Amino acid sequence: MVEGKSKDIIDRFEKLIKKSFVSGHATIEFKRHNFDPFAPNGTISIEIIDNGVSANSIITYKIASNLLPKYSIWFMVTVLSIWIMFSFLLVPIGKALPMIILGSTTFYIIFRWSRILNLAKLENYTIYLLQMSKLKYSTHNIIGKTGLSTLK
């Protein structure tokens, strides 16, 4: 819930994100560049509608993470397959199985934490937009779908 009419809020957001809203809806796309590997990757959909009861408006964010494109998944599968092949070729079988388990677990942990970090960066950008637009908002209704953070 944000104080003000949706038209005023849309004007403030258009100045911040440099995109125009179509019937109260806009989409911001984040793509990773070569020089910033830790930049977020995904889309944020913003919808602003008037609350029929009072002079407040409702802002809805939908965050979609595009962390790994298809070529990255194939790259990870290839590296993991090479890891398994070399572990069987270079190390005796009794020691190869722990190496395979360790390598697979490491890949899973890296993938999981990078996904959480990416979602957190996208969610922090939505909070940044609210703060930079200098709007008065109530925090009891703001809960991220990812559950990573809430405003308080």
N, C-alpha and C. Protein backbone atom coordinates (compact mmCIF):
# COMPACT_ATOMS: atom_id res chain seq x y z
N MET A 1 0.84 -1.18 0.00
CA MET A 1 0.00 0.00 0.00
C MET A 1 0.89 1.24 0.00
N VAL A 2 0.60 2.13 -0.91
CA VAL A 2 1.36 3.35 -1.06
C VAL A 2 0.39 4.52 -1.07
N GLU A 3 0.76 5.58 -0.36
CA GLU A 3 -0.10 6.76 -0.34
C GLU A 3 0.00 7.49 -1.66
N GLY A 4 -1.15 7.82 -2.26
CA GLY A 4 -1.19 8.58 -3.50
C GLY A 4 -1.94 7.84 -4.59
N LYS A 5 -2.32 8.59 -5.60
CA LYS A 5 -3.01 8.01 -6.75
C LYS A 5 -2.01 7.29 -7.65
N SER A 6 -2.50 6.32 -8.37
CA SER A 6 -1.61 5.52 -9.21
C SER A 6 -0.96 6.35 -10.30
N LYS A 7 -1.64 7.37 -10.81
CA LYS A 7 -1.06 8.21 -11.86
C LYS A 7 0.20 8.92 -11.35
N ASP A 8 0.15 9.46 -10.13
CA ASP A 8 1.32 10.13 -9.56
C ASP A 8 2.46 9.15 -9.31
N ILE A 9 2.11 7.97 -8.82
CA ILE A 9 3.14 6.96 -8.53
C ILE A 9 3.79 6.47 -9.82
N ILE A 10 2.98 6.29 -10.87
CA ILE A 10 3.52 5.86 -12.16
C ILE A 10 4.48 6.91 -12.71
N ASP A 11 4.14 8.19 -12.56
CA ASP A 11 5.04 9.25 -13.02
C ASP A 11 6.38 9.19 -12.30
N ARG A 12 6.36 8.95 -10.99
CA ARG A 12 7.62 8.86 -10.24
C ARG A 12 8.44 7.65 -10.67
N PHE A 13 7.77 6.53 -10.86
CA PHE A 13 8.49 5.32 -11.26
C PHE A 13 9.04 5.44 -12.68
N GLU A 14 8.31 6.09 -13.58
CA GLU A 14 8.81 6.26 -14.95
C GLU A 14 10.09 7.08 -14.98
N LYS A 15 10.19 8.06 -14.08
CA LYS A 15 11.43 8.85 -14.00
C LYS A 15 12.59 8.02 -13.48
N LEU A 16 12.30 7.10 -12.57
CA LEU A 16 13.36 6.28 -11.98
C LEU A 16 13.86 5.18 -12.92
N ILE A 17 12.92 4.45 -13.51
CA ILE A 17 13.33 3.27 -14.29
C ILE A 17 13.48 3.56 -15.78
N LYS A 18 13.10 4.75 -16.20
CA LYS A 18 13.24 5.17 -17.60
C LYS A 18 12.49 4.24 -18.55
N LYS A 19 11.34 3.75 -18.12
CA LYS A 19 10.46 2.93 -18.95
C LYS A 19 9.04 3.44 -18.76
N SER A 20 8.24 3.27 -19.79
CA SER A 20 6.86 3.73 -19.69
C SER A 20 5.95 2.58 -19.24
N PHE A 21 4.94 2.94 -18.49
CA PHE A 21 3.96 1.98 -18.01
C PHE A 21 2.81 1.89 -19.01
N VAL A 22 2.36 0.68 -19.27
CA VAL A 22 1.21 0.47 -20.13
C VAL A 22 0.09 -0.08 -19.25
N SER A 23 -0.95 0.72 -19.08
CA SER A 23 -2.10 0.40 -18.21
C SER A 23 -1.64 -0.04 -16.82
N GLY A 24 -0.69 0.68 -16.25
CA GLY A 24 -0.23 0.43 -14.89
C GLY A 24 0.74 -0.72 -14.74
N HIS A 25 1.32 -1.18 -15.85
CA HIS A 25 2.21 -2.34 -15.79
C HIS A 25 3.50 -2.05 -16.55
N ALA A 26 4.63 -2.44 -15.97
CA ALA A 26 5.94 -2.31 -16.62
C ALA A 26 6.81 -3.50 -16.24
N THR A 27 7.74 -3.81 -17.12
CA THR A 27 8.67 -4.92 -16.88
C THR A 27 10.10 -4.42 -17.02
N ILE A 28 10.91 -4.73 -16.02
CA ILE A 28 12.33 -4.38 -16.03
C ILE A 28 13.11 -5.67 -16.23
N GLU A 29 13.99 -5.68 -17.22
CA GLU A 29 14.82 -6.86 -17.48
C GLU A 29 16.26 -6.58 -17.07
N PHE A 30 16.83 -7.53 -16.38
CA PHE A 30 18.24 -7.46 -15.99
C PHE A 30 18.99 -8.55 -16.72
N LYS A 31 20.06 -8.16 -17.39
CA LYS A 31 20.89 -9.14 -18.08
C LYS A 31 22.31 -8.98 -17.58
N ARG A 32 22.97 -10.08 -17.47
CA ARG A 32 24.35 -10.08 -16.99
C ARG A 32 25.29 -9.69 -18.13
N HIS A 33 26.25 -8.85 -17.80
CA HIS A 33 27.23 -8.42 -18.78
C HIS A 33 28.56 -9.11 -18.50
N ASN A 34 29.45 -9.04 -19.46
CA ASN A 34 30.75 -9.70 -19.31
C ASN A 34 31.59 -9.11 -18.19
N PHE A 35 31.45 -7.81 -17.96
CA PHE A 35 32.33 -7.15 -17.00
C PHE A 35 31.79 -7.17 -15.58
N ASP A 36 30.56 -7.63 -15.38
CA ASP A 36 29.98 -7.69 -14.04
C ASP A 36 29.33 -9.06 -13.83
N PRO A 37 30.10 -10.06 -13.44
CA PRO A 37 29.53 -11.41 -13.31
C PRO A 37 28.58 -11.56 -12.12
N PHE A 38 28.59 -10.62 -11.18
CA PHE A 38 27.73 -10.74 -10.01
C PHE A 38 26.45 -9.91 -10.14
N ALA A 39 26.20 -9.35 -11.30
CA ALA A 39 24.97 -8.57 -11.52
C ALA A 39 23.77 -9.51 -11.54
N PRO A 40 22.60 -9.01 -11.12
CA PRO A 40 21.42 -9.87 -11.13
C PRO A 40 20.98 -10.19 -12.55
N ASN A 41 20.29 -11.30 -12.69
CA ASN A 41 19.81 -11.75 -13.99
C ASN A 41 18.36 -12.17 -13.82
N GLY A 42 17.44 -11.48 -14.49
CA GLY A 42 16.03 -11.83 -14.38
C GLY A 42 15.13 -10.68 -14.77
N THR A 43 13.86 -10.80 -14.43
CA THR A 43 12.89 -9.75 -14.74
C THR A 43 12.07 -9.41 -13.50
N ILE A 44 11.68 -8.14 -13.44
CA ILE A 44 10.79 -7.67 -12.38
C ILE A 44 9.58 -7.04 -13.07
N SER A 45 8.40 -7.55 -12.79
CA SER A 45 7.17 -6.98 -13.33
C SER A 45 6.54 -6.12 -12.24
N ILE A 46 6.21 -4.88 -12.59
CA ILE A 46 5.62 -3.95 -11.64
C ILE A 46 4.20 -3.64 -12.10
N GLU A 47 3.27 -3.75 -11.17
CA GLU A 47 1.88 -3.41 -11.46
C GLU A 47 1.39 -2.45 -10.39
N ILE A 48 0.82 -1.33 -10.82
CA ILE A 48 0.32 -0.31 -9.91
C ILE A 48 -1.17 -0.11 -10.19
N ILE A 49 -1.99 -0.32 -9.15
CA ILE A 49 -3.44 -0.13 -9.30
C ILE A 49 -3.95 0.70 -8.14
N ASP A 50 -5.06 1.39 -8.39
CA ASP A 50 -5.70 2.19 -7.34
C ASP A 50 -6.46 1.29 -6.38
N ASN A 51 -6.43 1.68 -5.11
CA ASN A 51 -7.23 1.01 -4.10
C ASN A 51 -8.59 1.70 -4.12
N GLY A 52 -9.65 0.98 -4.30
CA GLY A 52 -10.97 1.57 -4.45
C GLY A 52 -11.50 2.22 -3.19
N VAL A 53 -10.99 1.87 -2.02
CA VAL A 53 -11.53 2.35 -0.76
C VAL A 53 -10.98 3.72 -0.40
N SER A 54 -9.68 3.91 -0.51
CA SER A 54 -9.06 5.16 -0.08
C SER A 54 -8.19 5.73 -1.21
N ALA A 55 -7.44 6.77 -0.90
CA ALA A 55 -6.58 7.41 -1.89
C ALA A 55 -5.23 6.71 -1.99
N ASN A 56 -5.17 5.48 -1.59
CA ASN A 56 -3.94 4.71 -1.65
C ASN A 56 -3.90 3.86 -2.91
N SER A 57 -2.72 3.42 -3.27
CA SER A 57 -2.53 2.54 -4.41
C SER A 57 -1.80 1.28 -3.96
N ILE A 58 -1.92 0.26 -4.76
CA ILE A 58 -1.27 -1.02 -4.46
C ILE A 58 -0.21 -1.28 -5.52
N ILE A 59 1.01 -1.53 -5.07
CA ILE A 59 2.11 -1.87 -5.98
C ILE A 59 2.42 -3.35 -5.80
N THR A 60 2.42 -4.07 -6.92
CA THR A 60 2.71 -5.50 -6.90
C THR A 60 3.96 -5.76 -7.72
N TYR A 61 4.93 -6.44 -7.11
CA TYR A 61 6.16 -6.84 -7.81
C TYR A 61 6.11 -8.35 -8.03
N LYS A 62 6.48 -8.78 -9.22
CA LYS A 62 6.65 -10.20 -9.50
C LYS A 62 8.08 -10.40 -10.00
N ILE A 63 8.83 -11.19 -9.27
CA ILE A 63 10.25 -11.39 -9.57
C ILE A 63 10.43 -12.76 -10.21
N ALA A 64 11.09 -12.77 -11.37
CA ALA A 64 11.42 -14.02 -12.05
C ALA A 64 12.92 -14.05 -12.29
N SER A 65 13.56 -15.07 -11.79
CA SER A 65 15.01 -15.19 -11.91
C SER A 65 15.36 -16.02 -13.14
N ASN A 66 16.25 -15.50 -13.95
CA ASN A 66 16.80 -16.24 -15.10
C ASN A 66 18.26 -16.49 -14.83
N LEU A 67 18.54 -17.21 -13.78
CA LEU A 67 19.91 -17.35 -13.32
C LEU A 67 20.80 -18.06 -14.33
N LEU A 68 20.38 -19.21 -14.78
CA LEU A 68 21.23 -19.98 -15.69
C LEU A 68 20.53 -20.18 -17.03
N PRO A 69 21.06 -19.59 -18.07
CA PRO A 69 20.54 -19.89 -19.40
C PRO A 69 20.87 -21.33 -19.79
N LYS A 70 20.31 -21.79 -20.90
CA LYS A 70 20.50 -23.18 -21.30
C LYS A 70 21.97 -23.54 -21.49
N TYR A 71 22.74 -22.64 -22.06
CA TYR A 71 24.15 -22.97 -22.30
C TYR A 71 24.92 -23.12 -20.99
N SER A 72 24.51 -22.43 -19.93
CA SER A 72 25.18 -22.58 -18.65
C SER A 72 24.89 -23.93 -18.01
N ILE A 73 23.67 -24.41 -18.19
CA ILE A 73 23.33 -25.73 -17.64
C ILE A 73 24.14 -26.81 -18.36
N TRP A 74 24.25 -26.71 -19.69
CA TRP A 74 25.06 -27.68 -20.42
C TRP A 74 26.52 -27.59 -20.03
N PHE A 75 26.99 -26.40 -19.76
CA PHE A 75 28.37 -26.21 -19.30
C PHE A 75 28.59 -26.91 -17.96
N MET A 76 27.62 -26.73 -17.04
CA MET A 76 27.75 -27.39 -15.73
C MET A 76 27.72 -28.90 -15.86
N VAL A 77 26.85 -29.44 -16.70
CA VAL A 77 26.77 -30.89 -16.90
C VAL A 77 28.08 -31.41 -17.51
N THR A 78 28.64 -30.66 -18.45
CA THR A 78 29.90 -31.07 -19.07
C THR A 78 31.04 -31.08 -18.06
N VAL A 79 31.14 -30.05 -17.27
CA VAL A 79 32.21 -29.98 -16.26
C VAL A 79 32.05 -31.10 -15.24
N LEU A 80 30.83 -31.36 -14.81
CA LEU A 80 30.60 -32.44 -13.84
C LEU A 80 30.93 -33.80 -14.46
N SER A 81 30.61 -34.00 -15.74
CA SER A 81 30.94 -35.26 -16.41
C SER A 81 32.45 -35.45 -16.53
N ILE A 82 33.15 -34.38 -16.87
CA ILE A 82 34.62 -34.45 -16.95
C ILE A 82 35.21 -34.74 -15.57
N TRP A 83 34.64 -34.13 -14.53
CA TRP A 83 35.08 -34.39 -13.16
C TRP A 83 34.94 -35.87 -12.82
N ILE A 84 33.82 -36.45 -13.18
CA ILE A 84 33.57 -37.87 -12.87
C ILE A 84 34.53 -38.76 -13.67
N MET A 85 34.73 -38.45 -14.96
CA MET A 85 35.63 -39.28 -15.77
C MET A 85 37.06 -39.24 -15.25
N PHE A 86 37.56 -38.05 -14.95
CA PHE A 86 38.93 -37.94 -14.44
C PHE A 86 39.08 -38.57 -13.06
N SER A 87 38.04 -38.50 -12.26
CA SER A 87 38.17 -39.11 -10.94
C SER A 87 38.28 -40.63 -11.05
N PHE A 88 37.59 -41.22 -12.03
CA PHE A 88 37.71 -42.66 -12.21
C PHE A 88 39.04 -43.04 -12.89
N LEU A 89 39.55 -42.18 -13.76
CA LEU A 89 40.79 -42.51 -14.46
C LEU A 89 42.03 -42.30 -13.60
N LEU A 90 42.05 -41.26 -12.81
CA LEU A 90 43.27 -40.89 -12.09
C LEU A 90 43.35 -41.40 -10.66
N VAL A 91 42.22 -41.75 -10.10
CA VAL A 91 42.20 -42.12 -8.69
C VAL A 91 41.62 -43.53 -8.57
N PRO A 92 42.13 -44.34 -7.64
CA PRO A 92 41.54 -45.68 -7.43
C PRO A 92 40.05 -45.57 -7.06
N ILE A 93 39.32 -46.61 -7.34
CA ILE A 93 37.86 -46.58 -7.20
C ILE A 93 37.43 -46.29 -5.76
N GLY A 94 38.15 -46.76 -4.80
CA GLY A 94 37.79 -46.50 -3.40
C GLY A 94 37.84 -45.02 -3.04
N LYS A 95 38.70 -44.27 -3.71
CA LYS A 95 38.80 -42.84 -3.45
C LYS A 95 38.02 -42.02 -4.46
N ALA A 96 37.62 -42.61 -5.58
CA ALA A 96 36.90 -41.88 -6.62
C ALA A 96 35.47 -41.55 -6.20
N LEU A 97 34.82 -42.46 -5.51
CA LEU A 97 33.43 -42.22 -5.12
C LEU A 97 33.28 -41.03 -4.16
N PRO A 98 34.14 -40.90 -3.14
CA PRO A 98 34.04 -39.69 -2.33
C PRO A 98 34.32 -38.41 -3.12
N MET A 99 35.24 -38.49 -4.10
CA MET A 99 35.51 -37.31 -4.93
C MET A 99 34.29 -36.94 -5.77
N ILE A 100 33.61 -37.94 -6.30
CA ILE A 100 32.41 -37.67 -7.10
C ILE A 100 31.33 -37.05 -6.23
N ILE A 101 31.14 -37.60 -5.05
CA ILE A 101 30.12 -37.06 -4.15
C ILE A 101 30.49 -35.65 -3.72
N LEU A 102 31.75 -35.41 -3.42
CA LEU A 102 32.20 -34.07 -3.03
C LEU A 102 32.02 -33.07 -4.18
N GLY A 103 32.38 -33.47 -5.40
CA GLY A 103 32.22 -32.59 -6.56
C GLY A 103 30.77 -32.27 -6.85
N SER A 104 29.90 -33.28 -6.79
CA SER A 104 28.47 -33.06 -7.04
C SER A 104 27.86 -32.17 -5.97
N THR A 105 28.23 -32.39 -4.72
CA THR A 105 27.72 -31.56 -3.63
C THR A 105 28.19 -30.12 -3.77
N THR A 106 29.44 -29.93 -4.16
CA THR A 106 29.97 -28.59 -4.36
C THR A 106 29.23 -27.86 -5.47
N PHE A 107 28.97 -28.54 -6.59
CA PHE A 107 28.21 -27.92 -7.67
C PHE A 107 26.81 -27.54 -7.22
N TYR A 108 26.16 -28.41 -6.47
CA TYR A 108 24.81 -28.12 -5.99
C TYR A 108 24.82 -26.91 -5.05
N ILE A 109 25.77 -26.85 -4.14
CA ILE A 109 25.84 -25.73 -3.19
C ILE A 109 26.11 -24.42 -3.93
N ILE A 110 27.01 -24.43 -4.89
CA ILE A 110 27.30 -23.22 -5.66
C ILE A 110 26.05 -22.78 -6.42
N PHE A 111 25.38 -23.70 -7.06
CA PHE A 111 24.16 -23.38 -7.81
C PHE A 111 23.08 -22.82 -6.89
N ARG A 112 22.88 -23.44 -5.76
CA ARG A 112 21.82 -23.02 -4.83
C ARG A 112 22.10 -21.63 -4.26
N TRP A 113 23.31 -21.38 -3.81
CA TRP A 113 23.65 -20.07 -3.23
C TRP A 113 23.64 -18.97 -4.28
N SER A 114 24.05 -19.27 -5.50
CA SER A 114 23.99 -18.24 -6.54
C SER A 114 22.55 -17.90 -6.89
N ARG A 115 21.66 -18.87 -6.84
CA ARG A 115 20.23 -18.61 -7.08
C ARG A 115 19.66 -17.73 -5.97
N ILE A 116 19.97 -18.03 -4.74
CA ILE A 116 19.48 -17.23 -3.61
C ILE A 116 20.04 -15.81 -3.69
N LEU A 117 21.30 -15.67 -4.02
CA LEU A 117 21.91 -14.35 -4.15
C LEU A 117 21.26 -13.54 -5.27
N ASN A 118 20.97 -14.19 -6.39
CA ASN A 118 20.34 -13.51 -7.51
C ASN A 118 18.94 -13.02 -7.14
N LEU A 119 18.15 -13.85 -6.50
CA LEU A 119 16.80 -13.44 -6.07
C LEU A 119 16.87 -12.31 -5.05
N ALA A 120 17.84 -12.37 -4.16
CA ALA A 120 17.97 -11.32 -3.16
C ALA A 120 18.34 -9.99 -3.81
N LYS A 121 19.18 -10.00 -4.81
CA LYS A 121 19.54 -8.76 -5.50
C LYS A 121 18.35 -8.17 -6.23
N LEU A 122 17.55 -9.01 -6.87
CA LEU A 122 16.36 -8.52 -7.55
C LEU A 122 15.35 -7.95 -6.56
N GLU A 123 15.19 -8.62 -5.43
CA GLU A 123 14.27 -8.15 -4.40
C GLU A 123 14.76 -6.85 -3.77
N ASN A 124 16.05 -6.73 -3.57
CA ASN A 124 16.61 -5.48 -3.03
C ASN A 124 16.42 -4.32 -3.99
N TYR A 125 16.41 -4.60 -5.29
CA TYR A 125 16.17 -3.53 -6.26
C TYR A 125 14.74 -3.00 -6.14
N THR A 126 13.78 -3.86 -5.85
CA THR A 126 12.40 -3.40 -5.67
C THR A 126 12.29 -2.50 -4.44
N ILE A 127 12.98 -2.85 -3.38
CA ILE A 127 12.99 -2.02 -2.17
C ILE A 127 13.68 -0.68 -2.46
N TYR A 128 14.75 -0.73 -3.24
CA TYR A 128 15.46 0.48 -3.65
C TYR A 128 14.53 1.41 -4.44
N LEU A 129 13.72 0.85 -5.32
CA LEU A 129 12.78 1.67 -6.10
C LEU A 129 11.79 2.39 -5.19
N LEU A 130 11.29 1.70 -4.19
CA LEU A 130 10.35 2.33 -3.26
C LEU A 130 11.02 3.45 -2.47
N GLN A 131 12.24 3.23 -2.06
CA GLN A 131 12.93 4.25 -1.27
C GLN A 131 13.33 5.45 -2.12
N MET A 132 13.75 5.23 -3.36
CA MET A 132 14.18 6.33 -4.22
C MET A 132 13.00 7.15 -4.74
N SER A 133 11.83 6.55 -4.82
CA SER A 133 10.66 7.30 -5.30
C SER A 133 10.10 8.21 -4.21
N LYS A 134 10.59 8.06 -2.98
CA LYS A 134 10.19 8.87 -1.83
C LYS A 134 8.68 8.82 -1.60
N LEU A 135 8.15 7.62 -1.66
CA LEU A 135 6.73 7.40 -1.41
C LEU A 135 6.54 6.94 0.03
N LYS A 136 5.38 7.27 0.59
CA LYS A 136 5.03 6.77 1.91
C LYS A 136 4.29 5.46 1.72
N TYR A 137 4.84 4.42 2.34
CA TYR A 137 4.25 3.10 2.15
C TYR A 137 4.09 2.41 3.50
N SER A 138 3.14 1.50 3.54
CA SER A 138 2.95 0.70 4.75
C SER A 138 3.70 -0.61 4.55
N THR A 139 4.33 -1.06 5.61
CA THR A 139 5.20 -2.22 5.49
C THR A 139 4.55 -3.52 5.92
N HIS A 140 3.35 -3.49 6.41
CA HIS A 140 2.76 -4.73 6.90
C HIS A 140 2.29 -5.63 5.77
N ASN A 141 2.13 -5.12 4.56
CA ASN A 141 1.68 -5.93 3.45
C ASN A 141 2.80 -6.34 2.51
N ILE A 142 4.01 -5.92 2.77
CA ILE A 142 5.11 -6.20 1.86
C ILE A 142 5.83 -7.46 2.32
N ILE A 143 5.62 -8.51 1.57
CA ILE A 143 6.30 -9.79 1.85
C ILE A 143 6.77 -10.31 0.50
N GLY A 144 8.04 -10.59 0.39
CA GLY A 144 8.58 -11.10 -0.85
C GLY A 144 8.10 -12.53 -1.10
N LYS A 145 7.84 -12.84 -2.37
CA LYS A 145 7.44 -14.19 -2.71
C LYS A 145 8.56 -15.18 -2.45
N THR A 146 9.77 -14.70 -2.56
CA THR A 146 10.91 -15.59 -2.31
C THR A 146 11.14 -15.80 -0.82
N GLY A 147 10.61 -14.89 0.01
CA GLY A 147 10.78 -15.04 1.44
C GLY A 147 12.16 -14.67 1.92
N LEU A 148 12.94 -14.00 1.08
CA LEU A 148 14.30 -13.67 1.47
C LEU A 148 14.36 -12.48 2.41
N SER A 149 13.49 -11.49 2.17
CA SER A 149 13.51 -10.32 3.04
C SER A 149 12.13 -9.66 3.06
N THR A 150 11.86 -8.96 4.13
CA THR A 150 10.64 -8.19 4.23
C THR A 150 11.00 -6.82 4.78
N LEU A 151 10.19 -5.84 4.45
CA LEU A 151 10.43 -4.50 4.96
C LEU A 151 9.85 -4.38 6.36
N LYS A 152 10.58 -3.77 7.27
CA LYS A 152 10.07 -3.54 8.62
C LYS A 152 10.56 -2.22 9.12
